[in-house]
Amino acid sequence: MLPRSLRSEEKAYVRFINKTDKMVELVWLNFNGEYVSREYLQERFPNKEIPENFETRIRAYITLPMYSLKYRTLMEIRNYFQNTEDVEQLELPKPLVDDLKRTIEFRNSQLEQDIQIHQ
């Protein structure tokens, strides 16, 4: 049996508040057990207090990142590679090679941004 949202006619009004310093994508399971992704949570409060009158919705604070097992694995594997060309040596299916390359490229672009900020 797949995990899924329970059917209900009641609406839930939730305000997700991103307390991290990262962009967050909201993902949940619908009534059919399918992943649904909505707009990115761009409003961030990593080190700020939320105003008391911010909104009357139920507040759900995001304080830790959650990654899929696949993405978390790619993040670990990328630590063994400096650049994307090295990934070609692995005997992996092309879709995984492409995903790993994108993960490495993203990490490298983040490092470049960090270097520019601290210069």
PDB file of N, CA and C in Angstrom:
ATOM      1  N   MET A   1       0.839  -1.175   0.000  1.00  0.00           N
ATOM      2  CA  MET A   1       0.000   0.000   0.000  1.00  0.00           C
ATOM      3  C   MET A   1       0.891   1.247   0.000  1.00  0.00           C
ATOM      4  N   LEU A   2       0.614   2.160  -0.918  1.00  0.00           N
ATOM      5  CA  LEU A   2       1.380   3.398  -1.034  1.00  0.00           C
ATOM      6  C   LEU A   2       0.929   4.417   0.003  1.00  0.00           C
ATOM      7  N   PRO A   3       1.874   5.194   0.534  1.00  0.00           N
ATOM      8  CA  PRO A   3       1.442   6.302   1.389  1.00  0.00           C
ATOM      9  C   PRO A   3       0.684   7.325   0.548  1.00  0.00           C
ATOM     10  N   ARG A   4      -0.292   7.969   1.126  1.00  0.00           N
ATOM     11  CA  ARG A   4      -1.077   8.968   0.411  1.00  0.00           C
ATOM     12  C   ARG A   4      -1.819   9.841   1.415  1.00  0.00           C
ATOM     13  N   SER A   5      -2.312  10.957   0.931  1.00  0.00           N
ATOM     14  CA  SER A   5      -3.151  11.823   1.754  1.00  0.00           C
ATOM     15  C   SER A   5      -4.511  11.162   1.914  1.00  0.00           C
ATOM     16  N   LEU A   6      -5.118  11.346   3.066  1.00  0.00           N
ATOM     17  CA  LEU A   6      -6.467  10.828   3.277  1.00  0.00           C
ATOM     18  C   LEU A   6      -7.469  11.754   2.613  1.00  0.00           C
ATOM     19  N   ARG A   7      -8.532  11.163   2.081  1.00  0.00           N
ATOM     20  CA  ARG A   7      -9.578  11.983   1.456  1.00  0.00           C
ATOM     21  C   ARG A   7     -10.327  12.739   2.543  1.00  0.00           C
ATOM     22  N   SER A   8     -10.577  13.998   2.258  1.00  0.00           N
ATOM     23  CA  SER A   8     -11.298  14.829   3.209  1.00  0.00           C
ATOM     24  C   SER A   8     -11.908  16.000   2.459  1.00  0.00           C
ATOM     25  N   GLU A   9     -13.032  16.447   2.923  1.00  0.00           N
ATOM     26  CA  GLU A   9     -13.671  17.629   2.349  1.00  0.00           C
ATOM     27  C   GLU A   9     -13.246  18.895   3.100  1.00  0.00           C
ATOM     28  N   GLU A  10     -12.551  18.725   4.231  1.00  0.00           N
ATOM     29  CA  GLU A  10     -12.103  19.871   5.012  1.00  0.00           C
ATOM     30  C   GLU A  10     -10.838  20.449   4.399  1.00  0.00           C
ATOM     31  N   LYS A  11     -10.809  21.758   4.293  1.00  0.00           N
ATOM     32  CA  LYS A  11      -9.614  22.425   3.795  1.00  0.00           C
ATOM     33  C   LYS A  11      -8.681  22.716   4.960  1.00  0.00           C
ATOM     34  N   ALA A  12      -7.407  22.621   4.685  1.00  0.00           N
ATOM     35  CA  ALA A  12      -6.397  22.956   5.687  1.00  0.00           C
ATOM     36  C   ALA A  12      -5.606  24.140   5.154  1.00  0.00           C
ATOM     37  N   TYR A  13      -5.543  25.194   5.926  1.00  0.00           N
ATOM     38  CA  TYR A  13      -4.791  26.373   5.533  1.00  0.00           C
ATOM     39  C   TYR A  13      -3.502  26.398   6.346  1.00  0.00           C
ATOM     40  N   VAL A  14      -2.413  26.154   5.636  1.00  0.00           N
ATOM     41  CA  VAL A  14      -1.114  26.043   6.290  1.00  0.00           C
ATOM     42  C   VAL A  14      -0.163  27.050   5.672  1.00  0.00           C
ATOM     43  N   ARG A  15       0.581  27.731   6.501  1.00  0.00           N
ATOM     44  CA  ARG A  15       1.639  28.633   6.047  1.00  0.00           C
ATOM     45  C   ARG A  15       2.953  27.950   6.377  1.00  0.00           C
ATOM     46  N   PHE A  16       3.692  27.556   5.332  1.00  0.00           N
ATOM     47  CA  PHE A  16       5.010  26.965   5.528  1.00  0.00           C
ATOM     48  C   PHE A  16       6.016  28.095   5.629  1.00  0.00           C
ATOM     49  N   ILE A  17       6.753  28.122   6.711  1.00  0.00           N
ATOM     50  CA  ILE A  17       7.717  29.195   6.958  1.00  0.00           C
ATOM     51  C   ILE A  17       9.114  28.594   6.906  1.00  0.00           C
ATOM     52  N   ASN A  18       9.858  29.044   5.922  1.00  0.00           N
ATOM     53  CA  ASN A  18      11.200  28.545   5.686  1.00  0.00           C
ATOM     54  C   ASN A  18      12.182  29.243   6.626  1.00  0.00           C
ATOM     55  N   LYS A  19      12.675  28.515   7.623  1.00  0.00           N
ATOM     56  CA  LYS A  19      13.628  29.068   8.586  1.00  0.00           C
ATOM     57  C   LYS A  19      15.069  28.725   8.210  1.00  0.00           C
ATOM     58  N   THR A  20      15.266  28.142   7.028  1.00  0.00           N
ATOM     59  CA  THR A  20      16.613  27.806   6.591  1.00  0.00           C
ATOM     60  C   THR A  20      17.160  28.942   5.732  1.00  0.00           C
ATOM     61  N   ASP A  21      18.401  28.816   5.337  1.00  0.00           N
ATOM     62  CA  ASP A  21      18.989  29.814   4.446  1.00  0.00           C
ATOM     63  C   ASP A  21      18.981  29.325   3.001  1.00  0.00           C
ATOM     64  N   LYS A  22      18.210  28.283   2.714  1.00  0.00           N
ATOM     65  CA  LYS A  22      18.139  27.698   1.379  1.00  0.00           C
ATOM     66  C   LYS A  22      16.746  27.892   0.782  1.00  0.00           C
ATOM     67  N   MET A  23      16.673  27.802  -0.554  1.00  0.00           N
ATOM     68  CA  MET A  23      15.394  27.782  -1.247  1.00  0.00           C
ATOM     69  C   MET A  23      14.760  26.418  -0.980  1.00  0.00           C
ATOM     70  N   VAL A  24      13.465  26.398  -0.721  1.00  0.00           N
ATOM     71  CA  VAL A  24      12.779  25.157  -0.393  1.00  0.00           C
ATOM     72  C   VAL A  24      11.651  24.923  -1.379  1.00  0.00           C
ATOM     73  N   GLU A  25      11.531  23.683  -1.845  1.00  0.00           N
ATOM     74  CA  GLU A  25      10.421  23.310  -2.710  1.00  0.00           C
ATOM     75  C   GLU A  25       9.459  22.465  -1.892  1.00  0.00           C
ATOM     76  N   LEU A  26       8.204  22.836  -1.894  1.00  0.00           N
ATOM     77  CA  LEU A  26       7.188  22.133  -1.136  1.00  0.00           C
ATOM     78  C   LEU A  26       6.684  20.950  -1.953  1.00  0.00           C
ATOM     79  N   VAL A  27       6.747  19.742  -1.379  1.00  0.00           N
ATOM     80  CA  VAL A  27       6.322  18.522  -2.058  1.00  0.00           C
ATOM     81  C   VAL A  27       5.488  17.708  -1.077  1.00  0.00           C
ATOM     82  N   TRP A  28       4.388  17.138  -1.557  1.00  0.00           N
ATOM     83  CA  TRP A  28       3.586  16.264  -0.711  1.00  0.00           C
ATOM     84  C   TRP A  28       2.950  15.183  -1.558  1.00  0.00           C
ATOM     85  N   LEU A  29       2.314  14.217  -0.890  1.00  0.00           N
ATOM     86  CA  LEU A  29       1.609  13.134  -1.574  1.00  0.00           C
ATOM     87  C   LEU A  29       0.132  13.486  -1.668  1.00  0.00           C
ATOM     88  N   ASN A  30      -0.444  13.307  -2.868  1.00  0.00           N
ATOM     89  CA  ASN A  30      -1.866  13.602  -3.036  1.00  0.00           C
ATOM     90  C   ASN A  30      -2.707  12.366  -2.699  1.00  0.00           C
ATOM     91  N   PHE A  31      -4.013  12.427  -3.002  1.00  0.00           N
ATOM     92  CA  PHE A  31      -4.922  11.334  -2.683  1.00  0.00           C
ATOM     93  C   PHE A  31      -4.587  10.045  -3.425  1.00  0.00           C
ATOM     94  N   ASN A  32      -3.883  10.149  -4.552  1.00  0.00           N
ATOM     95  CA  ASN A  32      -3.512   8.969  -5.335  1.00  0.00           C
ATOM     96  C   ASN A  32      -2.120   8.445  -4.994  1.00  0.00           C
ATOM     97  N   GLY A  33      -1.458   9.056  -4.033  1.00  0.00           N
ATOM     98  CA  GLY A  33      -0.115   8.639  -3.664  1.00  0.00           C
ATOM     99  C   GLY A  33       0.958   9.185  -4.584  1.00  0.00           C
ATOM    100  N   GLU A  34       0.609  10.195  -5.398  1.00  0.00           N
ATOM    101  CA  GLU A  34       1.561  10.806  -6.330  1.00  0.00           C
ATOM    102  C   GLU A  34       2.187  12.037  -5.685  1.00  0.00           C
ATOM    103  N   TYR A  35       3.468  12.238  -6.001  1.00  0.00           N
ATOM    104  CA  TYR A  35       4.141  13.430  -5.490  1.00  0.00           C
ATOM    105  C   TYR A  35       3.616  14.666  -6.207  1.00  0.00           C
ATOM    106  N   VAL A  36       3.347  15.695  -5.440  1.00  0.00           N
ATOM    107  CA  VAL A  36       2.890  16.971  -5.977  1.00  0.00           C
ATOM    108  C   VAL A  36       3.881  18.020  -5.497  1.00  0.00           C
ATOM    109  N   SER A  37       4.303  18.863  -6.418  1.00  0.00           N
ATOM    110  CA  SER A  37       5.256  19.905  -6.077  1.00  0.00           C
ATOM    111  C   SER A  37       4.617  21.252  -6.352  1.00  0.00           C
ATOM    112  N   ARG A  38       4.786  22.176  -5.457  1.00  0.00           N
ATOM    113  CA  ARG A  38       4.241  23.514  -5.633  1.00  0.00           C
ATOM    114  C   ARG A  38       5.368  24.528  -5.647  1.00  0.00           C
ATOM    115  N   GLU A  39       4.977  25.767  -5.763  1.00  0.00           N
ATOM    116  CA  GLU A  39       5.958  26.836  -5.910  1.00  0.00           C
ATOM    117  C   GLU A  39       7.001  26.800  -4.796  1.00  0.00           C
ATOM    118  N   TYR A  40       8.129  27.354  -5.123  1.00  0.00           N
ATOM    119  CA  TYR A  40       9.204  27.414  -4.152  1.00  0.00           C
ATOM    120  C   TYR A  40       8.840  28.377  -3.038  1.00  0.00           C
ATOM    121  N   LEU A  41       9.308  28.040  -1.851  1.00  0.00           N
ATOM    122  CA  LEU A  41       9.092  28.924  -0.716  1.00  0.00           C
ATOM    123  C   LEU A  41      10.222  29.935  -0.687  1.00  0.00           C
ATOM    124  N   GLN A  42       9.915  31.134  -1.112  1.00  0.00           N
ATOM    125  CA  GLN A  42      10.959  32.134  -1.243  1.00  0.00           C
ATOM    126  C   GLN A  42      11.056  33.037  -0.028  1.00  0.00           C
ATOM    127  N   GLU A  43      10.012  33.044   0.769  1.00  0.00           N
ATOM    128  CA  GLU A  43      10.036  33.897   1.942  1.00  0.00           C
ATOM    129  C   GLU A  43      10.812  33.167   3.032  1.00  0.00           C
ATOM    130  N   ARG A  44      11.952  33.695   3.389  1.00  0.00           N
ATOM    131  CA  ARG A  44      12.819  33.018   4.336  1.00  0.00           C
ATOM    132  C   ARG A  44      12.995  33.841   5.596  1.00  0.00           C
ATOM    133  N   PHE A  45      13.042  33.144   6.725  1.00  0.00           N
ATOM    134  CA  PHE A  45      13.265  33.790   8.011  1.00  0.00           C
ATOM    135  C   PHE A  45      14.332  33.009   8.778  1.00  0.00           C
ATOM    136  N   PRO A  46      15.539  32.867   8.233  1.00  0.00           N
ATOM    137  CA  PRO A  46      16.515  32.004   8.900  1.00  0.00           C
ATOM    138  C   PRO A  46      16.921  32.471  10.291  1.00  0.00           C
ATOM    139  N   ASN A  47      17.033  33.748  10.497  1.00  0.00           N
ATOM    140  CA  ASN A  47      17.495  34.239  11.793  1.00  0.00           C
ATOM    141  C   ASN A  47      16.594  35.332  12.347  1.00  0.00           C
ATOM    142  N   LYS A  48      15.360  35.352  11.903  1.00  0.00           N
ATOM    143  CA  LYS A  48      14.454  36.418  12.327  1.00  0.00           C
ATOM    144  C   LYS A  48      13.268  35.851  13.068  1.00  0.00           C
ATOM    145  N   GLU A  49      12.724  36.653  13.917  1.00  0.00           N
ATOM    146  CA  GLU A  49      11.472  36.293  14.576  1.00  0.00           C
ATOM    147  C   GLU A  49      10.329  36.558  13.612  1.00  0.00           C
ATOM    148  N   ILE A  50       9.330  35.686  13.624  1.00  0.00           N
ATOM    149  CA  ILE A  50       8.157  35.873  12.777  1.00  0.00           C
ATOM    150  C   ILE A  50       7.217  36.837  13.500  1.00  0.00           C
ATOM    151  N   PRO A  51       6.748  37.877  12.821  1.00  0.00           N
ATOM    152  CA  PRO A  51       5.807  38.789  13.471  1.00  0.00           C
ATOM    153  C   PRO A  51       4.564  38.048  13.955  1.00  0.00           C
ATOM    154  N   GLU A  52       4.061  38.405  15.119  1.00  0.00           N
ATOM    155  CA  GLU A  52       2.910  37.727  15.708  1.00  0.00           C
ATOM    156  C   GLU A  52       1.697  37.775  14.792  1.00  0.00           C
ATOM    157  N   ASN A  53       1.505  38.866  14.081  1.00  0.00           N
ATOM    158  CA  ASN A  53       0.331  39.018  13.213  1.00  0.00           C
ATOM    159  C   ASN A  53       0.633  38.609  11.774  1.00  0.00           C
ATOM    160  N   PHE A  54       1.608  37.754  11.574  1.00  0.00           N
ATOM    161  CA  PHE A  54       2.046  37.370  10.224  1.00  0.00           C
ATOM    162  C   PHE A  54       0.897  36.775   9.421  1.00  0.00           C
ATOM    163  N   GLU A  55       0.134  35.874  10.000  1.00  0.00           N
ATOM    164  CA  GLU A  55      -1.033  35.292   9.345  1.00  0.00           C
ATOM    165  C   GLU A  55      -1.732  34.357  10.310  1.00  0.00           C
ATOM    166  N   THR A  56      -2.994  34.081  10.042  1.00  0.00           N
ATOM    167  CA  THR A  56      -3.757  33.233  10.961  1.00  0.00           C
ATOM    168  C   THR A  56      -3.776  31.767  10.556  1.00  0.00           C
ATOM    169  N   ARG A  57      -3.066  31.417   9.533  1.00  0.00           N
ATOM    170  CA  ARG A  57      -3.008  30.009   9.120  1.00  0.00           C
ATOM    171  C   ARG A  57      -2.200  29.195  10.128  1.00  0.00           C
ATOM    172  N   ILE A  58      -2.338  27.875  10.044  1.00  0.00           N
ATOM    173  CA  ILE A  58      -1.492  26.992  10.839  1.00  0.00           C
ATOM    174  C   ILE A  58      -0.065  27.164  10.328  1.00  0.00           C
ATOM    175  N   ARG A  59       0.856  27.357  11.228  1.00  0.00           N
ATOM    176  CA  ARG A  59       2.253  27.545  10.825  1.00  0.00           C
ATOM    177  C   ARG A  59       3.014  26.239  10.888  1.00  0.00           C
ATOM    178  N   ALA A  60       3.737  25.945   9.834  1.00  0.00           N
ATOM    179  CA  ALA A  60       4.620  24.775   9.783  1.00  0.00           C
ATOM    180  C   ALA A  60       6.015  25.300   9.469  1.00  0.00           C
ATOM    181  N   TYR A  61       6.914  25.188  10.418  1.00  0.00           N
ATOM    182  CA  TYR A  61       8.262  25.719  10.260  1.00  0.00           C
ATOM    183  C   TYR A  61       9.176  24.689   9.610  1.00  0.00           C
ATOM    184  N   ILE A  62       9.879  25.107   8.584  1.00  0.00           N
ATOM    185  CA  ILE A  62      10.862  24.246   7.921  1.00  0.00           C
ATOM    186  C   ILE A  62      12.223  24.653   8.456  1.00  0.00           C
ATOM    187  N   THR A  63      12.868  23.726   9.170  1.00  0.00           N
ATOM    188  CA  THR A  63      14.150  24.043   9.794  1.00  0.00           C
ATOM    189  C   THR A  63      15.288  23.157   9.301  1.00  0.00           C
ATOM    190  N   LEU A  64      14.962  22.017   8.701  1.00  0.00           N
ATOM    191  CA  LEU A  64      15.979  21.096   8.190  1.00  0.00           C
ATOM    192  C   LEU A  64      15.638  20.700   6.763  1.00  0.00           C
ATOM    193  N   PRO A  65      16.644  20.541   5.921  1.00  0.00           N
ATOM    194  CA  PRO A  65      16.348  20.083   4.558  1.00  0.00           C
ATOM    195  C   PRO A  65      15.999  18.596   4.555  1.00  0.00           C
ATOM    196  N   MET A  66      15.108  18.216   3.657  1.00  0.00           N
ATOM    197  CA  MET A  66      14.786  16.801   3.446  1.00  0.00           C
ATOM    198  C   MET A  66      15.046  16.503   1.974  1.00  0.00           C
ATOM    199  N   TYR A  67      15.807  15.466   1.722  1.00  0.00           N
ATOM    200  CA  TYR A  67      16.171  15.108   0.362  1.00  0.00           C
ATOM    201  C   TYR A  67      15.689  13.692   0.064  1.00  0.00           C
ATOM    202  N   SER A  68      15.431  13.421  -1.208  1.00  0.00           N
ATOM    203  CA  SER A  68      15.133  12.051  -1.600  1.00  0.00           C
ATOM    204  C   SER A  68      16.404  11.229  -1.419  1.00  0.00           C
ATOM    205  N   LEU A  69      16.233   9.933  -1.287  1.00  0.00           N
ATOM    206  CA  LEU A  69      17.394   9.053  -1.139  1.00  0.00           C
ATOM    207  C   LEU A  69      18.302   9.164  -2.361  1.00  0.00           C
ATOM    208  N   LYS A  70      17.707   9.266  -3.533  1.00  0.00           N
ATOM    209  CA  LYS A  70      18.496   9.388  -4.765  1.00  0.00           C
ATOM    210  C   LYS A  70      19.347  10.657  -4.735  1.00  0.00           C
ATOM    211  N   TYR A  71      18.722  11.790  -4.408  1.00  0.00           N
ATOM    212  CA  TYR A  71      19.470  13.047  -4.416  1.00  0.00           C
ATOM    213  C   TYR A  71      20.531  13.050  -3.326  1.00  0.00           C
ATOM    214  N   ARG A  72      20.204  12.523  -2.160  1.00  0.00           N
ATOM    215  CA  ARG A  72      21.171  12.485  -1.062  1.00  0.00           C
ATOM    216  C   ARG A  72      22.376  11.627  -1.457  1.00  0.00           C
ATOM    217  N   THR A  73      22.119  10.523  -2.158  1.00  0.00           N
ATOM    218  CA  THR A  73      23.200   9.657  -2.637  1.00  0.00           C
ATOM    219  C   THR A  73      24.061  10.386  -3.657  1.00  0.00           C
ATOM    220  N   LEU A  74      23.412  11.098  -4.589  1.00  0.00           N
ATOM    221  CA  LEU A  74      24.166  11.879  -5.578  1.00  0.00           C
ATOM    222  C   LEU A  74      25.040  12.925  -4.887  1.00  0.00           C
ATOM    223  N   MET A  75      24.523  13.534  -3.826  1.00  0.00           N
ATOM    224  CA  MET A  75      25.301  14.536  -3.096  1.00  0.00           C
ATOM    225  C   MET A  75      26.551  13.920  -2.473  1.00  0.00           C
ATOM    226  N   GLU A  76      26.424  12.700  -1.985  1.00  0.00           N
ATOM    227  CA  GLU A  76      27.585  12.029  -1.390  1.00  0.00           C
ATOM    228  C   GLU A  76      28.589  11.617  -2.460  1.00  0.00           C
ATOM    229  N   ILE A  77      28.096  11.051  -3.551  1.00  0.00           N
ATOM    230  CA  ILE A  77      28.989  10.583  -4.621  1.00  0.00           C
ATOM    231  C   ILE A  77      29.740  11.750  -5.252  1.00  0.00           C
ATOM    232  N   ARG A  78      29.082  12.891  -5.391  1.00  0.00           N
ATOM    233  CA  ARG A  78      29.734  14.032  -6.044  1.00  0.00           C
ATOM    234  C   ARG A  78      30.977  14.490  -5.295  1.00  0.00           C
ATOM    235  N   ASN A  79      31.081  14.182  -4.012  1.00  0.00           N
ATOM    236  CA  ASN A  79      32.252  14.590  -3.231  1.00  0.00           C
ATOM    237  C   ASN A  79      33.534  13.920  -3.709  1.00  0.00           C
ATOM    238  N   TYR A  80      33.395  12.880  -4.500  1.00  0.00           N
ATOM    239  CA  TYR A  80      34.566  12.173  -5.010  1.00  0.00           C
ATOM    240  C   TYR A  80      35.013  12.692  -6.372  1.00  0.00           C
ATOM    241  N   PHE A  81      34.323  13.705  -6.882  1.00  0.00           N
ATOM    242  CA  PHE A  81      34.617  14.217  -8.217  1.00  0.00           C
ATOM    243  C   PHE A  81      34.802  15.725  -8.202  1.00  0.00           C
ATOM    244  N   GLN A  82      35.840  16.179  -8.900  1.00  0.00           N
ATOM    245  CA  GLN A  82      36.088  17.612  -9.025  1.00  0.00           C
ATOM    246  C   GLN A  82      35.284  18.218 -10.174  1.00  0.00           C
ATOM    247  N   ASN A  83      35.159  17.445 -11.266  1.00  0.00           N
ATOM    248  CA  ASN A  83      34.457  17.971 -12.435  1.00  0.00           C
ATOM    249  C   ASN A  83      33.607  16.877 -13.075  1.00  0.00           C
ATOM    250  N   THR A  84      32.774  17.275 -14.003  1.00  0.00           N
ATOM    251  CA  THR A  84      31.806  16.356 -14.598  1.00  0.00           C
ATOM    252  C   THR A  84      32.434  15.342 -15.549  1.00  0.00           C
ATOM    253  N   GLU A  85      33.581  15.653 -16.118  1.00  0.00           N
ATOM    254  CA  GLU A  85      34.209  14.727 -17.068  1.00  0.00           C
ATOM    255  C   GLU A  85      34.579  13.401 -16.399  1.00  0.00           C
ATOM    256  N   ASP A  86      34.945  13.462 -15.132  1.00  0.00           N
ATOM    257  CA  ASP A  86      35.346  12.252 -14.412  1.00  0.00           C
ATOM    258  C   ASP A  86      34.197  11.257 -14.252  1.00  0.00           C
ATOM    259  N   VAL A  87      32.978  11.733 -14.303  1.00  0.00           N
ATOM    260  CA  VAL A  87      31.809  10.878 -14.106  1.00  0.00           C
ATOM    261  C   VAL A  87      31.664   9.867 -15.242  1.00  0.00           C
ATOM    262  N   GLU A  88      32.164  10.206 -16.425  1.00  0.00           N
ATOM    263  CA  GLU A  88      32.056   9.320 -17.582  1.00  0.00           C
ATOM    264  C   GLU A  88      32.742   7.977 -17.334  1.00  0.00           C
ATOM    265  N   GLN A  89      33.696   7.920 -16.408  1.00  0.00           N
ATOM    266  CA  GLN A  89      34.412   6.678 -16.132  1.00  0.00           C
ATOM    267  C   GLN A  89      33.551   5.661 -15.387  1.00  0.00           C
ATOM    268  N   LEU A  90      32.491   6.135 -14.759  1.00  0.00           N
ATOM    269  CA  LEU A  90      31.620   5.232 -14.012  1.00  0.00           C
ATOM    270  C   LEU A  90      30.745   4.420 -14.954  1.00  0.00           C
ATOM    271  N   GLU A  91      30.478   3.215 -14.575  1.00  0.00           N
ATOM    272  CA  GLU A  91      29.593   2.371 -15.371  1.00  0.00           C
ATOM    273  C   GLU A  91      28.180   2.496 -14.807  1.00  0.00           C
ATOM    274  N   LEU A  92      27.587   3.643 -15.076  1.00  0.00           N
ATOM    275  CA  LEU A  92      26.234   3.938 -14.602  1.00  0.00           C
ATOM    276  C   LEU A  92      25.326   4.175 -15.790  1.00  0.00           C
ATOM    277  N   PRO A  93      24.029   3.966 -15.615  1.00  0.00           N
ATOM    278  CA  PRO A  93      23.083   4.322 -16.686  1.00  0.00           C
ATOM    279  C   PRO A  93      23.161   5.816 -16.989  1.00  0.00           C
ATOM    280  N   LYS A  94      22.957   6.172 -18.244  1.00  0.00           N
ATOM    281  CA  LYS A  94      23.074   7.562 -18.683  1.00  0.00           C
ATOM    282  C   LYS A  94      22.229   8.530 -17.851  1.00  0.00           C
ATOM    283  N   PRO A  95      20.973   8.199 -17.502  1.00  0.00           N
ATOM    284  CA  PRO A  95      20.202   9.144 -16.678  1.00  0.00           C
ATOM    285  C   PRO A  95      20.871   9.452 -15.331  1.00  0.00           C
ATOM    286  N   LEU A  96      21.490   8.440 -14.727  1.00  0.00           N
ATOM    287  CA  LEU A  96      22.192   8.687 -13.460  1.00  0.00           C
ATOM    288  C   LEU A  96      23.450   9.512 -13.675  1.00  0.00           C
ATOM    289  N   VAL A  97      24.161   9.239 -14.754  1.00  0.00           N
ATOM    290  CA  VAL A  97      25.350  10.035 -15.088  1.00  0.00           C
ATOM    291  C   VAL A  97      24.948  11.496 -15.267  1.00  0.00           C
ATOM    292  N   ASP A  98      23.862  11.732 -15.992  1.00  0.00           N
ATOM    293  CA  ASP A  98      23.394  13.104 -16.219  1.00  0.00           C
ATOM    294  C   ASP A  98      22.993  13.782 -14.911  1.00  0.00           C
ATOM    295  N   ASP A  99      22.293  13.048 -14.042  1.00  0.00           N
ATOM    296  CA  ASP A  99      21.901  13.604 -12.744  1.00  0.00           C
ATOM    297  C   ASP A  99      23.124  13.936 -11.894  1.00  0.00           C
ATOM    298  N   LEU A 100      24.098  13.042 -11.900  1.00  0.00           N
ATOM    299  CA  LEU A 100      25.311  13.277 -11.121  1.00  0.00           C
ATOM    300  C   LEU A 100      26.070  14.482 -11.660  1.00  0.00           C
ATOM    301  N   LYS A 101      26.133  14.619 -12.965  1.00  0.00           N
ATOM    302  CA  LYS A 101      26.794  15.782 -13.564  1.00  0.00           C
ATOM    303  C   LYS A 101      26.101  17.073 -13.136  1.00  0.00           C
ATOM    304  N   ARG A 102      24.776  17.083 -13.172  1.00  0.00           N
ATOM    305  CA  ARG A 102      24.044  18.286 -12.744  1.00  0.00           C
ATOM    306  C   ARG A 102      24.306  18.598 -11.275  1.00  0.00           C
ATOM    307  N   THR A 103      24.401  17.564 -10.461  1.00  0.00           N
ATOM    308  CA  THR A 103      24.668  17.764  -9.035  1.00  0.00           C
ATOM    309  C   THR A 103      26.058  18.352  -8.825  1.00  0.00           C
ATOM    310  N   ILE A 104      27.030  17.874  -9.579  1.00  0.00           N
ATOM    311  CA  ILE A 104      28.397  18.405  -9.495  1.00  0.00           C
ATOM    312  C   ILE A 104      28.437  19.844  -9.996  1.00  0.00           C
ATOM    313  N   GLU A 105      27.773  20.103 -11.107  1.00  0.00           N
ATOM    314  CA  GLU A 105      27.737  21.469 -11.654  1.00  0.00           C
ATOM    315  C   GLU A 105      27.099  22.436 -10.663  1.00  0.00           C
ATOM    316  N   PHE A 106      26.034  22.008 -10.013  1.00  0.00           N
ATOM    317  CA  PHE A 106      25.381  22.868  -9.030  1.00  0.00           C
ATOM    318  C   PHE A 106      26.325  23.155  -7.863  1.00  0.00           C
ATOM    319  N   ARG A 107      26.985  22.128  -7.363  1.00  0.00           N
ATOM    320  CA  ARG A 107      27.937  22.322  -6.261  1.00  0.00           C
ATOM    321  C   ARG A 107      29.037  23.278  -6.661  1.00  0.00           C
ATOM    322  N   ASN A 108      29.588  23.085  -7.868  1.00  0.00           N
ATOM    323  CA  ASN A 108      30.674  23.946  -8.333  1.00  0.00           C
ATOM    324  C   ASN A 108      30.207  25.390  -8.505  1.00  0.00           C
ATOM    325  N   SER A 109      28.989  25.587  -8.985  1.00  0.00           N
ATOM    326  CA  SER A 109      28.482  26.958  -9.135  1.00  0.00           C
ATOM    327  C   SER A 109      28.284  27.613  -7.767  1.00  0.00           C
ATOM    328  N   GLN A 110      27.833  26.826  -6.787  1.00  0.00           N
ATOM    329  CA  GLN A 110      27.678  27.363  -5.428  1.00  0.00           C
ATOM    330  C   GLN A 110      29.030  27.755  -4.847  1.00  0.00           C
ATOM    331  N   LEU A 111      30.047  26.932  -5.094  1.00  0.00           N
ATOM    332  CA  LEU A 111      31.393  27.247  -4.603  1.00  0.00           C
ATOM    333  C   LEU A 111      31.919  28.531  -5.241  1.00  0.00           C
ATOM    334  N   GLU A 112      31.678  28.688  -6.533  1.00  0.00           N
ATOM    335  CA  GLU A 112      32.109  29.911  -7.229  1.00  0.00           C
ATOM    336  C   GLU A 112      31.421  31.129  -6.641  1.00  0.00           C
ATOM    337  N   GLN A 113      30.156  31.031  -6.351  1.00  0.00           N
ATOM    338  CA  GLN A 113      29.419  32.162  -5.747  1.00  0.00           C
ATOM    339  C   GLN A 113      29.986  32.495  -4.376  1.00  0.00           C
ATOM    340  N   ASP A 114      30.268  31.445  -3.572  1.00  0.00           N
ATOM    341  CA  ASP A 114      30.830  31.667  -2.238  1.00  0.00           C
ATOM    342  C   ASP A 114      32.180  32.364  -2.327  1.00  0.00           C
ATOM    343  N   ILE A 115      32.997  31.963  -3.297  1.00  0.00           N
ATOM    344  CA  ILE A 115      34.324  32.571  -3.461  1.00  0.00           C
ATOM    345  C   ILE A 115      34.173  34.034  -3.833  1.00  0.00           C
ATOM    346  N   GLN A 116      33.239  34.344  -4.736  1.00  0.00           N
ATOM    347  CA  GLN A 116      33.035  35.742  -5.150  1.00  0.00           C
ATOM    348  C   GLN A 116      32.540  36.602  -3.996  1.00  0.00           C
ATOM    349  N   ILE A 117      31.703  36.034  -3.161  1.00  0.00           N
ATOM    350  CA  ILE A 117      31.174  36.796  -2.018  1.00  0.00           C
ATOM    351  C   ILE A 117      32.277  37.129  -1.032  1.00  0.00           C
ATOM    352  N   HIS A 118      33.190  36.195  -0.832  1.00  0.00           N
ATOM    353  CA  HIS A 118      34.224  36.377   0.199  1.00  0.00           C
ATOM    354  C   HIS A 118      35.499  37.040  -0.322  1.00  0.00           C
ATOM    355  N   GLN A 119      35.501  37.492  -1.564  1.00  0.00           N
ATOM    356  CA  GLN A 119      36.699  38.174  -2.073  1.00  0.00           C
ATOM    357  C   GLN A 119      36.642  39.636  -1.791  1.00  0.00           C
TER     358      GLN A 119
END
